[in-house]
Amino acid sequence: KVVPDLDILVVNDGSRDRTAREAKDAGAIVISHSFN
C-alpha cells in the first residue's frame, strides 16, 4: 500500500508453519532456507 511499485522479497528461514505459502500467495518473491 505504501510502495506499490517495489518488489518484495521474503526470505523464509526454515519456518515450520505456512510462512512461505502465505508470503507467496500475497505476491512476494520467496526464497526458503531448508532449515533455520
PDB file of all heavy atoms in Angstrom:
ATOM      1  N   LYS A   1       0.824  -1.208   0.000  1.00  0.00           N
ATOM      2  CA  LYS A   1       0.000   0.000   0.000  1.00  0.00           C
ATOM      3  C   LYS A   1       0.861   1.263   0.000  1.00  0.00           C
ATOM      4  O   LYS A   1       0.493   2.285  -0.591  1.00  0.00           O
ATOM      5  CB  LYS A   1      -0.929   0.004   1.210  1.00  0.00           C
ATOM      6  CG  LYS A   1      -2.115  -0.943   1.092  1.00  0.00           C
ATOM      7  CD  LYS A   1      -2.999  -0.865   2.328  1.00  0.00           C
ATOM      8  CE  LYS A   1      -4.212  -1.799   2.193  1.00  0.00           C
ATOM      9  NZ  LYS A   1      -5.072  -1.763   3.406  1.00  0.00           N
ATOM     10  N   VAL A   2       2.009   1.187   0.668  1.00  0.00           N
ATOM     11  CA  VAL A   2       2.888   2.351   0.772  1.00  0.00           C
ATOM     12  C   VAL A   2       3.757   2.503  -0.475  1.00  0.00           C
ATOM     13  O   VAL A   2       3.933   3.608  -0.991  1.00  0.00           O
ATOM     14  CB  VAL A   2       3.780   2.239   2.029  1.00  0.00           C
ATOM     15  CG1 VAL A   2       4.759   3.412   2.109  1.00  0.00           C
ATOM     16  CG2 VAL A   2       2.927   2.187   3.283  1.00  0.00           C
ATOM     17  N   VAL A   3       4.310   1.388  -0.956  1.00  0.00           N
ATOM     18  CA  VAL A   3       5.215   1.418  -2.120  1.00  0.00           C
ATOM     19  C   VAL A   3       4.748   0.357  -3.127  1.00  0.00           C
ATOM     20  O   VAL A   3       5.376  -0.697  -3.263  1.00  0.00           O
ATOM     21  CB  VAL A   3       6.683   1.201  -1.703  1.00  0.00           C
ATOM     22  CG1 VAL A   3       7.264   2.465  -1.095  1.00  0.00           C
ATOM     23  CG2 VAL A   3       6.821   0.047  -0.706  1.00  0.00           C
ATOM     24  N   PRO A   4       3.668   0.615  -3.832  1.00  0.00           N
ATOM     25  CA  PRO A   4       3.062  -0.415  -4.685  1.00  0.00           C
ATOM     26  C   PRO A   4       3.938  -0.857  -5.854  1.00  0.00           C
ATOM     27  O   PRO A   4       3.721  -1.945  -6.401  1.00  0.00           O
ATOM     28  CB  PRO A   4       1.781   0.262  -5.188  1.00  0.00           C
ATOM     29  CG  PRO A   4       2.029   1.723  -5.054  1.00  0.00           C
ATOM     30  CD  PRO A   4       2.895   1.865  -3.844  1.00  0.00           C
ATOM     31  N   ASP A   5       4.912  -0.056  -6.242  1.00  0.00           N
ATOM     32  CA  ASP A   5       5.721  -0.390  -7.416  1.00  0.00           C
ATOM     33  C   ASP A   5       7.005  -1.136  -7.087  1.00  0.00           C
ATOM     34  O   ASP A   5       7.757  -1.501  -8.000  1.00  0.00           O
ATOM     35  CB  ASP A   5       6.071   0.898  -8.176  1.00  0.00           C
ATOM     36  CG  ASP A   5       4.836   1.615  -8.703  1.00  0.00           C
ATOM     37  OD1 ASP A   5       3.861   0.918  -9.058  1.00  0.00           O
ATOM     38  OD2 ASP A   5       4.840   2.862  -8.740  1.00  0.00           O
ATOM     39  N   LEU A   6       7.283  -1.359  -5.810  1.00  0.00           N
ATOM     40  CA  LEU A   6       8.536  -2.008  -5.442  1.00  0.00           C
ATOM     41  C   LEU A   6       8.363  -3.521  -5.327  1.00  0.00           C
ATOM     42  O   LEU A   6       7.313  -4.013  -4.928  1.00  0.00           O
ATOM     43  CB  LEU A   6       9.055  -1.462  -4.101  1.00  0.00           C
ATOM     44  CG  LEU A   6       9.349   0.026  -4.016  1.00  0.00           C
ATOM     45  CD1 LEU A   6      10.075   0.350  -2.716  1.00  0.00           C
ATOM     46  CD2 LEU A   6      10.156   0.512  -5.207  1.00  0.00           C
ATOM     47  N   ASP A   7       9.427  -4.243  -5.691  1.00  0.00           N
ATOM     48  CA  ASP A   7       9.436  -5.690  -5.489  1.00  0.00           C
ATOM     49  C   ASP A   7       9.587  -5.987  -3.997  1.00  0.00           C
ATOM     50  O   ASP A   7      10.235  -5.244  -3.259  1.00  0.00           O
ATOM     51  CB  ASP A   7      10.603  -6.326  -6.248  1.00  0.00           C
ATOM     52  CG  ASP A   7      10.417  -6.248  -7.759  1.00  0.00           C
ATOM     53  OD1 ASP A   7       9.266  -6.120  -8.212  1.00  0.00           O
ATOM     54  OD2 ASP A   7      11.438  -6.295  -8.472  1.00  0.00           O
ATOM     55  N   ILE A   8       8.991  -7.086  -3.565  1.00  0.00           N
ATOM     56  CA  ILE A   8       9.071  -7.511  -2.167  1.00  0.00           C
ATOM     57  C   ILE A   8       9.629  -8.929  -2.125  1.00  0.00           C
ATOM     58  O   ILE A   8       9.115  -9.830  -2.785  1.00  0.00           O
ATOM     59  CB  ILE A   8       7.686  -7.470  -1.491  1.00  0.00           C
ATOM     60  CG1 ILE A   8       7.111  -6.045  -1.523  1.00  0.00           C
ATOM     61  CG2 ILE A   8       7.778  -7.968  -0.043  1.00  0.00           C
ATOM     62  CD1 ILE A   8       5.687  -5.952  -1.003  1.00  0.00           C
ATOM     63  N   LEU A   9      10.688  -9.112  -1.349  1.00  0.00           N
ATOM     64  CA  LEU A   9      11.317 -10.419  -1.179  1.00  0.00           C
ATOM     65  C   LEU A   9      11.172 -10.862   0.264  1.00  0.00           C
ATOM     66  O   LEU A   9      11.537 -10.133   1.190  1.00  0.00           O
ATOM     67  CB  LEU A   9      12.807 -10.347  -1.536  1.00  0.00           C
ATOM     68  CG  LEU A   9      13.664 -11.550  -1.128  1.00  0.00           C
ATOM     69  CD1 LEU A   9      13.284 -12.790  -1.940  1.00  0.00           C
ATOM     70  CD2 LEU A   9      15.154 -11.228  -1.278  1.00  0.00           C
ATOM     71  N   VAL A  10      10.652 -12.056   0.469  1.00  0.00           N
ATOM     72  CA  VAL A  10      10.610 -12.675   1.796  1.00  0.00           C
ATOM     73  C   VAL A  10      11.617 -13.818   1.806  1.00  0.00           C
ATOM     74  O   VAL A  10      11.563 -14.711   0.951  1.00  0.00           O
ATOM     75  CB  VAL A  10       9.199 -13.202   2.132  1.00  0.00           C
ATOM     76  CG1 VAL A  10       9.233 -14.020   3.427  1.00  0.00           C
ATOM     77  CG2 VAL A  10       8.219 -12.049   2.268  1.00  0.00           C
ATOM     78  N   VAL A  11      12.552 -13.772   2.744  1.00  0.00           N
ATOM     79  CA  VAL A  11      13.468 -14.900   2.935  1.00  0.00           C
ATOM     80  C   VAL A  11      12.962 -15.690   4.129  1.00  0.00           C
ATOM     81  O   VAL A  11      13.012 -15.236   5.271  1.00  0.00           O
ATOM     82  CB  VAL A  11      14.911 -14.433   3.155  1.00  0.00           C
ATOM     83  CG1 VAL A  11      15.823 -15.653   3.331  1.00  0.00           C
ATOM     84  CG2 VAL A  11      15.399 -13.590   1.984  1.00  0.00           C
ATOM     85  N   ASN A  12      12.437 -16.856   3.839  1.00  0.00           N
ATOM     86  CA  ASN A  12      11.846 -17.737   4.845  1.00  0.00           C
ATOM     87  C   ASN A  12      12.937 -18.623   5.430  1.00  0.00           C
ATOM     88  O   ASN A  12      13.493 -19.479   4.750  1.00  0.00           O
ATOM     89  CB  ASN A  12      10.751 -18.586   4.174  1.00  0.00           C
ATOM     90  CG  ASN A  12      10.306 -19.733   5.040  1.00  0.00           C
ATOM     91  OD1 ASN A  12      10.089 -19.571   6.232  1.00  0.00           O
ATOM     92  ND2 ASN A  12      10.180 -20.917   4.438  1.00  0.00           N
ATOM     93  N   ASP A  13      13.253 -18.416   6.699  1.00  0.00           N
ATOM     94  CA  ASP A  13      14.387 -19.096   7.316  1.00  0.00           C
ATOM     95  C   ASP A  13      13.984 -20.435   7.935  1.00  0.00           C
ATOM     96  O   ASP A  13      14.044 -20.622   9.157  1.00  0.00           O
ATOM     97  CB  ASP A  13      15.013 -18.185   8.376  1.00  0.00           C
ATOM     98  CG  ASP A  13      16.328 -18.734   8.912  1.00  0.00           C
ATOM     99  OD1 ASP A  13      17.004 -19.477   8.176  1.00  0.00           O
ATOM    100  OD2 ASP A  13      16.681 -18.418  10.065  1.00  0.00           O
ATOM    101  N   GLY A  14      13.558 -21.360   7.077  1.00  0.00           N
ATOM    102  CA  GLY A  14      13.235 -22.706   7.547  1.00  0.00           C
ATOM    103  C   GLY A  14      12.033 -22.764   8.468  1.00  0.00           C
ATOM    104  O   GLY A  14      11.989 -23.593   9.387  1.00  0.00           O
ATOM    105  N   SER A  15      11.045 -21.918   8.226  1.00  0.00           N
ATOM    106  CA  SER A  15       9.860 -21.890   9.086  1.00  0.00           C
ATOM    107  C   SER A  15       9.139 -23.236   9.089  1.00  0.00           C
ATOM    108  O   SER A  15       9.091 -23.937   8.077  1.00  0.00           O
ATOM    109  CB  SER A  15       8.890 -20.809   8.613  1.00  0.00           C
ATOM    110  OG  SER A  15       9.476 -19.529   8.702  1.00  0.00           O
ATOM    111  N   ARG A  16       8.535 -23.538  10.234  1.00  0.00           N
ATOM    112  CA  ARG A  16       7.780 -24.789  10.371  1.00  0.00           C
ATOM    113  C   ARG A  16       6.285 -24.574  10.159  1.00  0.00           C
ATOM    114  O   ARG A  16       5.494 -25.510  10.309  1.00  0.00           O
ATOM    115  CB  ARG A  16       8.031 -25.398  11.756  1.00  0.00           C
ATOM    116  CG  ARG A  16       9.484 -25.750  12.027  1.00  0.00           C
ATOM    117  CD  ARG A  16       9.653 -26.461  13.354  1.00  0.00           C
ATOM    118  NE  ARG A  16       9.194 -25.647  14.472  1.00  0.00           N
ATOM    119  CZ  ARG A  16       9.940 -24.768  15.114  1.00  0.00           C
ATOM    120  NH1 ARG A  16      11.196 -24.583  14.739  1.00  0.00           N
ATOM    121  NH2 ARG A  16       9.456 -24.064  16.122  1.00  0.00           N
ATOM    122  N   ASP A  17       5.902 -23.350   9.820  1.00  0.00           N
ATOM    123  CA  ASP A  17       4.479 -23.067   9.600  1.00  0.00           C
ATOM    124  C   ASP A  17       4.256 -22.670   8.137  1.00  0.00           C
ATOM    125  O   ASP A  17       5.021 -23.061   7.264  1.00  0.00           O
ATOM    126  CB  ASP A  17       4.012 -21.959  10.562  1.00  0.00           C
ATOM    127  CG  ASP A  17       4.761 -20.643  10.361  1.00  0.00           C
ATOM    128  OD1 ASP A  17       5.562 -20.547   9.405  1.00  0.00           O
ATOM    129  OD2 ASP A  17       4.540 -19.706  11.157  1.00  0.00           O
ATOM    130  N   ARG A  18       3.227 -21.891   7.870  1.00  0.00           N
ATOM    131  CA  ARG A  18       2.848 -21.556   6.493  1.00  0.00           C
ATOM    132  C   ARG A  18       3.430 -20.215   6.023  1.00  0.00           C
ATOM    133  O   ARG A  18       2.907 -19.597   5.103  1.00  0.00           O
ATOM    134  CB  ARG A  18       1.315 -21.497   6.395  1.00  0.00           C
ATOM    135  CG  ARG A  18       0.645 -22.869   6.483  1.00  0.00           C
ATOM    136  CD  ARG A  18      -0.873 -22.750   6.434  1.00  0.00           C
ATOM    137  NE  ARG A  18      -1.328 -21.952   5.304  1.00  0.00           N
ATOM    138  CZ  ARG A  18      -1.503 -22.403   4.067  1.00  0.00           C
ATOM    139  NH1 ARG A  18      -1.220 -23.669   3.790  1.00  0.00           N
ATOM    140  NH2 ARG A  18      -1.948 -21.621   3.103  1.00  0.00           N
ATOM    141  N   THR A  19       4.520 -19.789   6.626  1.00  0.00           N
ATOM    142  CA  THR A  19       5.109 -18.501   6.258  1.00  0.00           C
ATOM    143  C   THR A  19       5.375 -18.395   4.763  1.00  0.00           C
ATOM    144  O   THR A  19       4.982 -17.412   4.114  1.00  0.00           O
ATOM    145  CB  THR A  19       6.424 -18.262   7.035  1.00  0.00           C
ATOM    146  OG1 THR A  19       6.138 -18.163   8.430  1.00  0.00           O
ATOM    147  CG2 THR A  19       7.097 -16.983   6.574  1.00  0.00           C
ATOM    148  N   ALA A  20       6.039 -19.385   4.188  1.00  0.00           N
ATOM    149  CA  ALA A  20       6.413 -19.321   2.771  1.00  0.00           C
ATOM    150  C   ALA A  20       5.175 -19.280   1.881  1.00  0.00           C
ATOM    151  O   ALA A  20       5.094 -18.474   0.940  1.00  0.00           O
ATOM    152  CB  ALA A  20       7.298 -20.510   2.403  1.00  0.00           C
ATOM    153  N   ARG A  21       4.198 -20.140   2.137  1.00  0.00           N
ATOM    154  CA  ARG A  21       2.982 -20.196   1.321  1.00  0.00           C
ATOM    155  C   ARG A  21       2.205 -18.891   1.426  1.00  0.00           C
ATOM    156  O   ARG A  21       1.745 -18.345   0.406  1.00  0.00           O
ATOM    157  CB  ARG A  21       2.120 -21.369   1.778  1.00  0.00           C
ATOM    158  CG  ARG A  21       0.711 -21.418   1.172  1.00  0.00           C
ATOM    159  CD  ARG A  21       0.711 -21.340  -0.349  1.00  0.00           C
ATOM    160  NE  ARG A  21       1.511 -22.402  -0.936  1.00  0.00           N
ATOM    161  CZ  ARG A  21       1.871 -22.439  -2.229  1.00  0.00           C
ATOM    162  NH1 ARG A  21       1.532 -21.436  -3.034  1.00  0.00           N
ATOM    163  NH2 ARG A  21       2.593 -23.433  -2.682  1.00  0.00           N
ATOM    164  N   GLU A  22       2.047 -18.353   2.622  1.00  0.00           N
ATOM    165  CA  GLU A  22       1.294 -17.113   2.792  1.00  0.00           C
ATOM    166  C   GLU A  22       1.998 -15.937   2.117  1.00  0.00           C
ATOM    167  O   GLU A  22       1.344 -15.063   1.531  1.00  0.00           O
ATOM    168  CB  GLU A  22       1.088 -16.829   4.282  1.00  0.00           C
ATOM    169  CG  GLU A  22       0.138 -17.823   4.946  1.00  0.00           C
ATOM    170  CD  GLU A  22       0.009 -17.603   6.442  1.00  0.00           C
ATOM    171  OE1 GLU A  22       0.454 -16.530   6.927  1.00  0.00           O
ATOM    172  OE2 GLU A  22      -0.539 -18.495   7.132  1.00  0.00           O
ATOM    173  N   ALA A  23       3.321 -15.916   2.189  1.00  0.00           N
ATOM    174  CA  ALA A  23       4.078 -14.841   1.535  1.00  0.00           C
ATOM    175  C   ALA A  23       3.941 -14.921   0.024  1.00  0.00           C
ATOM    176  O   ALA A  23       3.757 -13.904  -0.666  1.00  0.00           O
ATOM    177  CB  ALA A  23       5.543 -14.912   1.942  1.00  0.00           C
ATOM    178  N   LYS A  24       3.998 -16.127  -0.521  1.00  0.00           N
ATOM    179  CA  LYS A  24       3.867 -16.308  -1.964  1.00  0.00           C
ATOM    180  C   LYS A  24       2.460 -15.951  -2.419  1.00  0.00           C
ATOM    181  O   LYS A  24       2.270 -15.281  -3.451  1.00  0.00           O
ATOM    182  CB  LYS A  24       4.197 -17.755  -2.337  1.00  0.00           C
ATOM    183  CG  LYS A  24       4.325 -18.013  -3.827  1.00  0.00           C
ATOM    184  CD  LYS A  24       4.843 -19.423  -4.106  1.00  0.00           C
ATOM    185  CE  LYS A  24       6.259 -19.574  -3.611  1.00  0.00           C
ATOM    186  NZ  LYS A  24       6.849 -20.895  -3.975  1.00  0.00           N
ATOM    187  N   ASP A  25       1.470 -16.372  -1.673  1.00  0.00           N
ATOM    188  CA  ASP A  25       0.082 -16.046  -2.014  1.00  0.00           C
ATOM    189  C   ASP A  25      -0.180 -14.541  -1.960  1.00  0.00           C
ATOM    190  O   ASP A  25      -1.048 -14.028  -2.671  1.00  0.00           O
ATOM    191  CB  ASP A  25      -0.887 -16.768  -1.066  1.00  0.00           C
ATOM    192  CG  ASP A  25      -0.925 -18.271  -1.302  1.00  0.00           C
ATOM    193  OD1 ASP A  25      -0.426 -18.720  -2.350  1.00  0.00           O
ATOM    194  OD2 ASP A  25      -1.441 -18.996  -0.427  1.00  0.00           O
ATOM    195  N   ALA A  26       0.595 -13.832  -1.126  1.00  0.00           N
ATOM    196  CA  ALA A  26       0.440 -12.381  -1.013  1.00  0.00           C
ATOM    197  C   ALA A  26       1.189 -11.638  -2.111  1.00  0.00           C
ATOM    198  O   ALA A  26       1.132 -10.402  -2.166  1.00  0.00           O
ATOM    199  CB  ALA A  26       0.922 -11.911   0.355  1.00  0.00           C
ATOM    200  N   GLY A  27       1.902 -12.383  -2.961  1.00  0.00           N
ATOM    201  CA  GLY A  27       2.539 -11.764  -4.114  1.00  0.00           C
ATOM    202  C   GLY A  27       4.013 -11.457  -3.962  1.00  0.00           C
ATOM    203  O   GLY A  27       4.604 -10.804  -4.832  1.00  0.00           O
ATOM    204  N   ALA A  28       4.635 -11.925  -2.890  1.00  0.00           N
ATOM    205  CA  ALA A  28       6.059 -11.666  -2.686  1.00  0.00           C
ATOM    206  C   ALA A  28       6.905 -12.707  -3.411  1.00  0.00           C
ATOM    207  O   ALA A  28       6.467 -13.827  -3.675  1.00  0.00           O
ATOM    208  CB  ALA A  28       6.392 -11.675  -1.200  1.00  0.00           C
ATOM    209  N   ILE A  29       8.127 -12.321  -3.738  1.00  0.00           N
ATOM    210  CA  ILE A  29       9.145 -13.286  -4.136  1.00  0.00           C
ATOM    211  C   ILE A  29       9.571 -14.013  -2.864  1.00  0.00           C
ATOM    212  O   ILE A  29       9.770 -13.380  -1.823  1.00  0.00           O
ATOM    213  CB  ILE A  29      10.362 -12.574  -4.761  1.00  0.00           C
ATOM    214  CG1 ILE A  29       9.943 -11.686  -5.926  1.00  0.00           C
ATOM    215  CG2 ILE A  29      11.424 -13.582  -5.199  1.00  0.00           C
ATOM    216  CD1 ILE A  29      11.010 -10.677  -6.335  1.00  0.00           C
ATOM    217  N   VAL A  30       9.709 -15.313  -2.921  1.00  0.00           N
ATOM    218  CA  VAL A  30      10.035 -16.076  -1.712  1.00  0.00           C
ATOM    219  C   VAL A  30      11.258 -16.956  -1.949  1.00  0.00           C
ATOM    220  O   VAL A  30      11.337 -17.684  -2.941  1.00  0.00           O
ATOM    221  CB  VAL A  30       8.854 -16.964  -1.264  1.00  0.00           C
ATOM    222  CG1 VAL A  30       9.240 -17.785  -0.027  1.00  0.00           C
ATOM    223  CG2 VAL A  30       7.632 -16.104  -0.957  1.00  0.00           C
ATOM    224  N   ILE A  31      12.223 -16.843  -1.062  1.00  0.00           N
ATOM    225  CA  ILE A  31      13.366 -17.750  -1.001  1.00  0.00           C
ATOM    226  C   ILE A  31      13.285 -18.461   0.345  1.00  0.00           C
ATOM    227  O   ILE A  31      13.111 -17.809   1.375  1.00  0.00           O
ATOM    228  CB  ILE A  31      14.708 -17.012  -1.108  1.00  0.00           C
ATOM    229  CG1 ILE A  31      14.837 -16.307  -2.456  1.00  0.00           C
ATOM    230  CG2 ILE A  31      15.872 -17.967  -0.901  1.00  0.00           C
ATOM    231  CD1 ILE A  31      16.086 -15.446  -2.570  1.00  0.00           C
ATOM    232  N   SER A  32      13.416 -19.787   0.329  1.00  0.00           N
ATOM    233  CA  SER A  32      13.313 -20.536   1.588  1.00  0.00           C
ATOM    234  C   SER A  32      14.603 -21.284   1.880  1.00  0.00           C
ATOM    235  O   SER A  32      15.145 -21.977   1.013  1.00  0.00           O
ATOM    236  CB  SER A  32      12.158 -21.535   1.517  1.00  0.00           C
ATOM    237  OG  SER A  32      10.915 -20.872   1.535  1.00  0.00           O
ATOM    238  N   HIS A  33      15.106 -21.139   3.106  1.00  0.00           N
ATOM    239  CA  HIS A  33      16.181 -21.992   3.586  1.00  0.00           C
ATOM    240  C   HIS A  33      15.593 -23.353   3.953  1.00  0.00           C
ATOM    241  O   HIS A  33      14.473 -23.433   4.460  1.00  0.00           O
ATOM    242  CB  HIS A  33      16.838 -21.390   4.828  1.00  0.00           C
ATOM    243  CG  HIS A  33      17.608 -20.142   4.555  1.00  0.00           C
ATOM    244  ND1 HIS A  33      17.931 -19.233   5.544  1.00  0.00           N
ATOM    245  CD2 HIS A  33      18.138 -19.645   3.405  1.00  0.00           C
ATOM    246  CE1 HIS A  33      18.622 -18.242   5.021  1.00  0.00           C
ATOM    247  NE2 HIS A  33      18.747 -18.457   3.727  1.00  0.00           N
ATOM    248  N   SER A  34      16.364 -24.416   3.725  1.00  0.00           N
ATOM    249  CA  SER A  34      15.894 -25.767   4.040  1.00  0.00           C
ATOM    250  C   SER A  34      15.734 -25.979   5.539  1.00  0.00           C
ATOM    251  O   SER A  34      14.931 -26.794   5.977  1.00  0.00           O
ATOM    252  CB  SER A  34      16.867 -26.812   3.476  1.00  0.00           C
ATOM    253  OG  SER A  34      16.946 -26.690   2.063  1.00  0.00           O
ATOM    254  N   PHE A  35      16.496 -25.256   6.325  1.00  0.00           N
ATOM    255  CA  PHE A  35      16.401 -25.337   7.780  1.00  0.00           C
ATOM    256  C   PHE A  35      16.745 -23.965   8.344  1.00  0.00           C
ATOM    257  O   PHE A  35      17.255 -23.094   7.638  1.00  0.00           O
ATOM    258  CB  PHE A  35      17.330 -26.424   8.353  1.00  0.00           C
ATOM    259  CG  PHE A  35      18.768 -26.278   7.928  1.00  0.00           C
ATOM    260  CD1 PHE A  35      19.667 -25.556   8.704  1.00  0.00           C
ATOM    261  CD2 PHE A  35      19.226 -26.865   6.753  1.00  0.00           C
ATOM    262  CE1 PHE A  35      20.981 -25.414   8.316  1.00  0.00           C
ATOM    263  CE2 PHE A  35      20.547 -26.730   6.353  1.00  0.00           C
ATOM    264  CZ  PHE A  35      21.431 -26.003   7.140  1.00  0.00           C
ATOM    265  N   ASN A  36      16.475 -23.771   9.626  1.00  0.00           N
ATOM    266  CA  ASN A  36      16.704 -22.479  10.266  1.00  0.00           C
ATOM    267  C   ASN A  36      18.197 -22.190  10.378  1.00  0.00           C
ATOM    268  O   ASN A  36      18.940 -22.937  10.986  1.00  0.00           O
ATOM    269  CB  ASN A  36      16.053 -22.491  11.654  1.00  0.00           C
ATOM    270  CG  ASN A  36      16.218 -21.172  12.375  1.00  0.00           C
ATOM    271  OD1 ASN A  36      16.943 -21.076  13.355  1.00  0.00           O
ATOM    272  ND2 ASN A  36      15.541 -20.133  11.899  1.00  0.00           N
TER     273      ASN A  36
END
